Protein backbone atom coordinates (compact mmCIF):
# COMPACT_ATOMS: atom_id res chain seq x y z
CA MET A 1 42.81 -18.74 38.29
CA ARG A 2 39.43 -17.01 38.27
CA PHE A 3 38.75 -18.43 41.74
CA ASN A 4 42.00 -16.99 43.11
CA ARG A 5 41.16 -13.56 41.66
CA ARG A 6 37.80 -13.66 43.39
CA ARG A 7 39.43 -14.71 46.65
CA ARG A 8 41.89 -11.79 46.46
CA ALA A 9 39.07 -9.41 45.60
CA ALA A 10 37.08 -10.64 48.61
CA ALA A 11 40.08 -9.92 50.86
CA ARG A 12 40.25 -6.33 49.54
CA ARG A 13 36.64 -5.43 50.30
CA PRO A 14 36.49 -2.10 52.16
CA LEU A 15 35.31 -1.65 55.72
CA VAL A 16 33.58 1.61 54.79
CA VAL A 17 31.34 1.34 51.76
CA ASP A 18 30.71 4.24 49.40
CA LYS A 19 27.75 2.72 47.58
CA PRO A 20 24.38 2.99 49.35
CA TYR A 21 22.67 0.19 51.23
CA PHE A 22 19.47 -1.55 50.17
CA VAL A 23 16.87 -2.49 52.77
CA TYR A 24 16.24 -6.10 51.82
CA ASN A 25 13.29 -6.59 54.11
CA ILE A 26 11.28 -4.77 56.77
CA GLU A 27 9.56 -6.73 59.51
CA LEU A 28 6.03 -5.49 60.12
CA THR A 29 5.62 -8.04 62.91
CA ASN A 30 7.33 -11.17 64.21
CA ASN A 31 4.02 -12.63 65.33
CA CYS A 32 2.97 -15.76 63.45
CA PRO A 33 0.32 -18.47 63.93
CA MET A 34 2.35 -21.08 62.04
CA LYS A 35 4.59 -23.72 63.65
CA CYS A 36 6.74 -24.54 60.64
CA VAL A 37 9.23 -27.37 61.14
CA MET A 38 11.81 -25.71 58.84
CA CYS A 39 11.70 -22.27 60.50
CA PRO A 40 14.00 -21.32 63.42
CA ARG A 41 11.30 -18.98 64.71
CA THR A 42 9.23 -21.96 65.90
CA LYS A 43 11.61 -23.18 68.62
CA HIS A 44 14.54 -20.77 68.78
CA MET A 45 13.33 -17.17 68.59
CA THR A 46 13.52 -15.55 72.04
CA ARG A 47 12.97 -11.85 71.26
CA ASP A 48 9.77 -9.99 72.15
CA ILE A 49 6.74 -10.17 69.86
CA GLY A 50 5.59 -6.83 68.51
CA TYR A 51 4.28 -4.73 65.66
CA MET A 52 6.03 -1.97 63.75
CA ASP A 53 4.80 1.57 64.16
CA LEU A 54 3.72 3.25 60.90
CA ASP A 55 5.80 6.37 61.59
CA LEU A 56 8.90 4.21 62.02
CA PHE A 57 8.14 2.47 58.74
CA ARG A 58 7.72 5.78 56.95
CA SER A 59 11.10 6.90 58.26
CA VAL A 60 12.78 3.74 56.92
CA ILE A 61 11.15 4.09 53.50
CA ASP A 62 11.92 7.81 53.29
CA GLN A 63 15.58 7.26 54.17
CA MET A 64 15.94 4.41 51.71
CA VAL A 65 14.39 6.44 48.89
CA ALA A 66 16.65 9.39 49.67
CA ASP A 67 19.82 7.31 50.03
CA ASN A 68 19.31 4.81 47.19
CA PRO A 69 16.56 5.93 44.78
CA GLU A 70 17.87 3.96 41.81
CA HIS A 71 17.81 0.62 43.61
CA CYS A 72 14.38 1.28 45.13
CA SER A 73 12.78 1.56 41.72
CA GLY A 74 14.23 -1.69 40.45
CA LYS A 75 13.93 -4.29 43.24
CA PRO A 76 11.03 -5.03 45.59
CA VAL A 77 11.40 -4.63 49.33
CA ALA A 78 10.07 -7.60 51.30
CA LEU A 79 7.64 -6.45 53.98
CA HIS A 80 8.25 -9.53 56.09
CA HIS A 81 11.04 -11.10 58.10
CA PHE A 82 10.19 -13.70 60.78
CA GLY A 83 6.47 -13.23 61.14
CA GLU A 84 3.17 -13.25 59.27
CA SER A 85 2.74 -9.65 58.12
CA LEU A 86 -0.99 -10.06 57.56
CA MET A 87 -1.40 -10.18 61.34
CA HIS A 88 -0.57 -6.47 61.40
CA ARG A 89 -3.96 -4.75 61.28
CA GLU A 90 -2.56 -1.82 59.31
CA VAL A 91 -0.68 -3.88 56.72
CA ASP A 92 -2.46 -2.05 53.89
CA ARG A 93 -1.23 1.34 55.09
CA PHE A 94 2.36 0.10 55.09
CA ILE A 95 2.04 -1.29 51.57
CA ALA A 96 0.30 1.82 50.25
CA TYR A 97 2.88 4.18 51.74
CA ALA A 98 5.82 2.35 50.20
CA GLU A 99 4.16 1.92 46.81
CA GLY A 100 3.19 5.60 46.88
CA LYS A 101 6.86 6.48 47.32
CA GLY A 102 7.78 4.41 44.26
CA VAL A 103 9.06 1.44 46.29
CA SER A 104 7.88 -1.92 44.97
CA THR A 105 6.70 -4.18 47.77
CA MET A 106 6.31 -7.89 48.17
CA LEU A 107 5.03 -10.09 50.95
CA SER A 108 5.38 -13.79 51.62
CA VAL A 109 2.09 -14.81 53.23
CA ASN A 110 0.07 -17.81 54.36
CA PRO A 111 -3.40 -17.78 52.76
CA ILE A 112 -4.82 -19.52 55.84
CA THR A 113 -4.62 -16.08 57.51
CA PHE A 114 -6.85 -14.47 54.86
CA THR A 115 -10.08 -12.97 56.15
CA ASP A 116 -12.52 -10.83 54.20
CA ARG A 117 -10.88 -7.76 55.75
CA VAL A 118 -7.36 -8.92 54.88
CA ILE A 119 -8.36 -9.71 51.29
CA GLU A 120 -9.84 -6.22 50.93
CA GLN A 121 -6.66 -4.71 52.37
CA LEU A 122 -4.52 -6.56 49.82
CA LEU A 123 -6.79 -5.62 46.94
CA ASP A 124 -6.90 -1.95 47.94
CA SER A 125 -3.19 -1.52 48.65
CA ALA A 126 -2.07 -3.71 45.71
CA PRO A 127 1.48 -4.80 46.60
CA SER A 128 3.66 -5.47 43.57
CA LYS A 129 4.08 -9.14 44.46
CA LEU A 130 2.47 -11.68 46.77
CA ILE A 131 4.13 -15.03 47.47
CA MET A 132 1.58 -17.56 48.66
CA SER A 133 3.00 -20.33 50.86
CA MET A 134 1.05 -23.48 49.96
CA ASP A 135 3.14 -26.37 51.20
CA GLY A 136 1.70 -29.86 51.09
CA HIS A 137 -1.18 -31.17 48.97
CA ASP A 138 -3.83 -31.85 51.62
CA ASP A 139 -4.56 -31.09 55.26
CA LYS A 140 -2.33 -33.88 56.58
CA SER A 141 0.77 -32.96 54.57
CA PHE A 142 0.28 -29.25 55.33
CA PHE A 143 0.11 -29.97 59.06
CA ALA A 144 3.32 -32.02 58.91
CA ILE A 145 5.16 -28.99 57.51
CA ARG A 146 3.38 -25.88 58.76
CA GLY A 147 1.98 -27.22 62.05
CA VAL A 148 -1.61 -26.00 61.61
CA GLU A 149 -4.46 -28.50 61.44
CA ASP A 150 -7.21 -28.55 58.81
CA ALA A 151 -5.54 -25.74 56.92
CA TRP A 152 -4.63 -26.75 53.34
CA GLU A 153 -8.15 -26.93 51.89
CA ARG A 154 -9.14 -23.74 53.67
CA SER A 155 -5.96 -22.05 52.43
CA ARG A 156 -6.79 -23.00 48.85
CA GLU A 157 -10.38 -21.73 49.17
CA LYS A 158 -9.19 -18.40 50.56
CA LEU A 159 -6.51 -18.07 47.90
CA PHE A 160 -9.06 -18.73 45.13
CA LYS A 161 -11.39 -16.11 46.61
CA TYR A 162 -8.59 -13.55 46.52
CA LEU A 163 -7.63 -14.50 42.94
CA GLU A 164 -11.22 -14.17 41.73
CA LEU A 165 -11.69 -10.74 43.29
CA LYS A 166 -8.28 -9.63 42.04
CA ARG A 167 -9.26 -10.55 38.48
CA GLU A 168 -12.66 -8.84 38.76
CA ARG A 169 -11.08 -5.59 39.97
CA GLY A 170 -8.11 -5.63 37.61
CA VAL A 171 -5.53 -5.51 40.42
CA LYS A 172 -2.01 -5.90 38.99
CA THR A 173 -0.35 -7.69 41.92
CA ARG A 174 1.83 -10.55 40.70
CA VAL A 175 1.00 -13.84 42.46
CA ILE A 176 3.53 -16.63 43.04
CA VAL A 177 2.68 -19.93 44.70
CA ASN A 178 5.64 -21.11 46.73
CA MET A 179 6.52 -24.57 48.09
CA ILE A 180 9.69 -25.38 50.04
CA ASP A 181 11.72 -28.07 48.27
CA PHE A 182 12.70 -30.64 50.89
CA GLY A 183 11.85 -34.22 51.80
CA LEU A 184 8.52 -33.58 53.53
CA ASN A 185 7.29 -31.59 50.54
CA ARG A 186 8.75 -33.31 47.50
CA ALA A 187 5.84 -35.66 46.79
CA SER A 188 3.46 -32.71 47.09
CA ILE A 189 5.54 -30.69 44.62
CA ASP A 190 5.48 -33.59 42.17
CA GLN A 191 1.72 -33.76 42.54
CA LEU A 192 0.89 -30.05 42.37
CA LYS A 193 3.57 -28.30 40.32
CA TYR A 194 1.55 -28.57 37.08
CA TYR A 195 -1.65 -27.75 38.94
CA TRP A 196 -0.36 -24.47 40.33
CA GLU A 197 1.39 -23.51 37.10
CA ASN A 198 -1.97 -23.77 35.33
CA THR A 199 -4.20 -22.19 37.96
CA PRO A 200 -5.83 -19.01 36.58
CA GLY A 201 -4.48 -15.97 38.39
CA VAL A 202 -1.23 -17.62 39.48
CA ASP A 203 1.61 -15.95 37.59
CA GLU A 204 4.39 -18.28 38.71
CA PHE A 205 5.08 -21.44 40.68
CA CYS A 206 8.29 -21.60 42.74
CA ALA A 207 9.86 -24.66 44.35
CA LYS A 208 12.05 -22.71 46.74
CA PRO A 209 15.42 -24.27 47.67
CA PHE A 210 15.57 -25.39 51.29
CA SER A 211 17.60 -23.29 53.72
CA THR A 212 19.19 -24.17 57.06
CA TRP A 213 19.23 -20.43 57.83
CA ILE A 214 22.25 -19.74 60.06
CA GLY A 215 22.88 -23.43 60.73
CA ASP A 216 22.31 -23.36 64.48
CA ALA A 217 19.15 -25.49 64.66
CA GLU A 218 19.96 -29.18 64.44
CA GLU A 219 16.37 -30.26 63.89
CA ILE A 220 16.27 -28.02 60.81
CA ASN A 221 19.70 -29.11 59.56
CA GLU A 222 18.47 -32.70 59.55
CA PHE A 223 15.91 -31.88 56.85
CA LYS A 224 18.65 -30.87 54.40
CA ASP A 225 19.45 -33.29 51.58
CA GLY A 226 23.00 -34.65 51.86
CA THR A 227 25.21 -34.01 54.85
CA LEU A 228 25.71 -30.87 56.86
CA ASN A 229 28.98 -30.67 58.79
CA LEU A 230 31.13 -27.79 59.93
CA LEU A 231 34.21 -27.09 57.85
CA THR A 232 37.41 -28.50 59.29
CA GLU A 233 40.34 -26.17 60.00
CA LYS A 234 41.98 -27.44 56.81
CA ASP A 235 38.83 -26.76 54.79
CA THR A 236 38.67 -23.23 56.18
CA ARG A 237 42.22 -22.53 54.99
CA GLN A 238 41.20 -23.69 51.49
CA SER A 239 38.19 -21.39 51.29
CA TYR A 240 37.34 -17.73 51.48
CA VAL A 241 34.39 -15.76 52.81
CA SER A 242 32.39 -15.04 49.69
CA CYS A 243 29.13 -13.85 51.25
CA ASN A 244 28.67 -10.21 50.31
CA ARG A 245 25.59 -9.27 52.33
CA PRO A 246 27.40 -6.91 54.74
CA TRP A 247 28.33 -4.85 51.67
CA THR A 248 24.89 -4.78 50.08
CA VAL A 249 21.82 -5.09 52.32
CA LEU A 250 20.20 -4.36 55.66
CA THR A 251 17.16 -5.79 57.46
CA VAL A 252 14.98 -3.75 59.82
CA THR A 253 13.02 -5.53 62.56
CA TRP A 254 9.64 -4.41 63.89
CA ASP A 255 11.15 -2.35 66.73
CA GLY A 256 13.67 -0.50 64.55
CA ASP A 257 16.71 -2.66 65.23
CA VAL A 258 18.88 -3.22 62.16
CA VAL A 259 20.61 -6.52 61.37
CA PRO A 260 22.83 -7.42 58.40
CA CYS A 261 20.98 -10.45 57.06
CA CYS A 262 17.48 -11.76 56.42
CA TYR A 263 18.51 -15.00 58.18
CA ASP A 264 18.97 -13.21 61.51
CA TYR A 265 15.80 -14.45 63.22
CA ASP A 266 16.83 -13.54 66.78
CA LYS A 267 18.92 -10.37 66.30
CA LYS A 268 22.21 -12.18 66.88
CA GLU A 269 24.21 -9.44 65.11
CA PRO A 270 22.59 -6.09 66.01
CA LEU A 271 23.98 -3.06 64.18
CA GLY A 272 21.98 -0.24 65.75
CA ASN A 273 18.45 1.11 65.91
CA VAL A 274 16.95 3.39 63.31
CA ARG A 275 15.22 5.40 66.05
CA ASP A 276 18.65 6.43 67.34
CA LEU A 277 20.73 6.62 64.16
CA PRO A 278 19.99 7.15 60.47
CA LEU A 279 20.34 4.07 58.29
CA LEU A 280 23.31 5.61 56.50
CA ALA A 281 25.19 5.89 59.81
CA ILE A 282 24.33 2.31 60.77
CA TRP A 283 25.45 1.14 57.32
CA ASN A 284 29.05 2.14 58.00
CA GLY A 285 28.95 2.14 61.80
CA GLU A 286 31.44 0.29 63.96
CA PRO A 287 29.29 -2.88 64.42
CA MET A 288 29.00 -3.30 60.65
CA GLN A 289 32.69 -2.53 60.12
CA ARG A 290 33.54 -5.15 62.75
CA LEU A 291 31.54 -7.77 60.87
CA ARG A 292 33.09 -6.78 57.54
CA ARG A 293 36.54 -7.03 59.13
CA GLN A 294 35.82 -10.64 60.10
CA PHE A 295 34.70 -11.45 56.56
CA VAL A 296 37.77 -9.86 55.00
CA SER A 297 40.15 -11.66 57.36
CA GLY A 298 38.38 -14.99 56.88
CA ARG A 299 38.16 -15.49 60.66
CA VAL A 300 34.43 -15.28 61.31
CA ASP A 301 33.18 -15.85 64.85
CA SER A 302 29.89 -13.94 64.57
CA PRO A 303 27.09 -16.05 66.08
CA LEU A 304 24.99 -15.10 63.07
CA CYS A 305 27.45 -16.10 60.37
CA LYS A 306 29.99 -18.65 61.59
CA ASP A 307 27.91 -21.77 60.82
CA CYS A 308 26.02 -20.46 57.78
CA GLU A 309 26.27 -22.72 54.74
CA GLU A 310 26.38 -19.67 52.48
CA LEU A 311 29.39 -18.05 54.14
CA ARG A 312 32.30 -19.54 52.20
CA THR A 313 33.39 -20.70 48.77
CA MET A 314 35.80 -23.61 48.64
CA LEU A 315 39.12 -23.45 46.77
CA ARG A 316 38.79 -27.03 45.58
CA GLY A 317 35.94 -29.44 45.12
CA PRO A 318 33.89 -30.74 48.07
CA SER A 319 35.59 -32.80 50.73
CA PRO A 320 33.72 -35.24 52.98
CA GLN A 321 33.81 -32.64 55.74
CA GLN A 322 32.45 -29.85 53.57
CA ILE A 323 28.79 -29.05 53.22
CA THR A 324 27.77 -31.48 50.49
CA PHE A 325 24.30 -31.40 49.09
CA LYS A 326 22.94 -33.27 46.11
CA SER A 327 21.13 -31.27 43.46
CA LEU A 328 17.45 -30.88 44.08
CA PRO A 329 15.16 -31.98 41.26
CA HIS A 330 12.82 -29.01 41.51
CA ALA A 331 14.92 -26.25 43.02
CA GLY A 332 16.71 -24.13 40.47
CA LYS A 333 16.50 -20.38 40.75
CA CYS A 334 12.97 -19.07 40.88
CA ARG A 335 12.35 -15.91 38.95
CA SER A 336 11.02 -14.47 42.20
CA ALA A 337 14.41 -13.73 43.69
CA ILE A 338 13.23 -12.78 47.17
CA VAL A 339 11.09 -15.48 48.72
């Protein structure tokens, strides 16, 4: 009964939304030195590599603060999308501007990219939260996941240097060590979970649930526990589109293009550019209304959304054709909601 009420409510979602948007993440750059096996950027991203202009970033932050001040004060904005933000030489200026406007910031970073200059930038700008990607437990296991040789020990040394300086200077940035929970990483999580939870300066350890992103990369799908198959026509009739992202969030890429989801690695569902239109106009513009219309009707053919495992909720229990995944032993919901 409750399920049917939710399905009817999903079908009544409006095409024009009165409540303000929230910018879920802002891409400072889509450049990245990593070759991660679980990331669609590695083999499938075709868009140009670039770096966000600080004036463009200021415009996004200013609009977001003006349009949705209450949300800005309560939830961090991720200053990353599909790139390593620490490769932007002015990353500290971006962090400082947002924090100065009362917007909490967080970054997911790879400590292997830390240099003395980068560490100083992070200490001076003091983002609210830093998520440190530390997959594997040695150089060999790190390389198998992140594709960079001789990097795990160096990553740990650089992370410890940052933590020591952070403690000495009394910087309040919250630090989370993150590991992706999938087959290549599970033994490493077993080995290091307690270690990271008890490392001085680390506020939280997170075994992040594995994602197939938009489901269009077979080599990534194969890493998922269980089976990953498209819903049959019958399954689709017994489900509804429950994803609510087109009614809640936006993502801004380095060049000002706006997309509706943090999974959109290659701008498959462009909504407009913030250089041409204000975010509020993009939020209820025709491209976004078209996507919402698909979600409400249940007939989704968007290249971004149609194969996403998070698109639908089933009316009944799993069928053999449905996406069926066994529970992960470490996953669970990390307190760090945006990772």
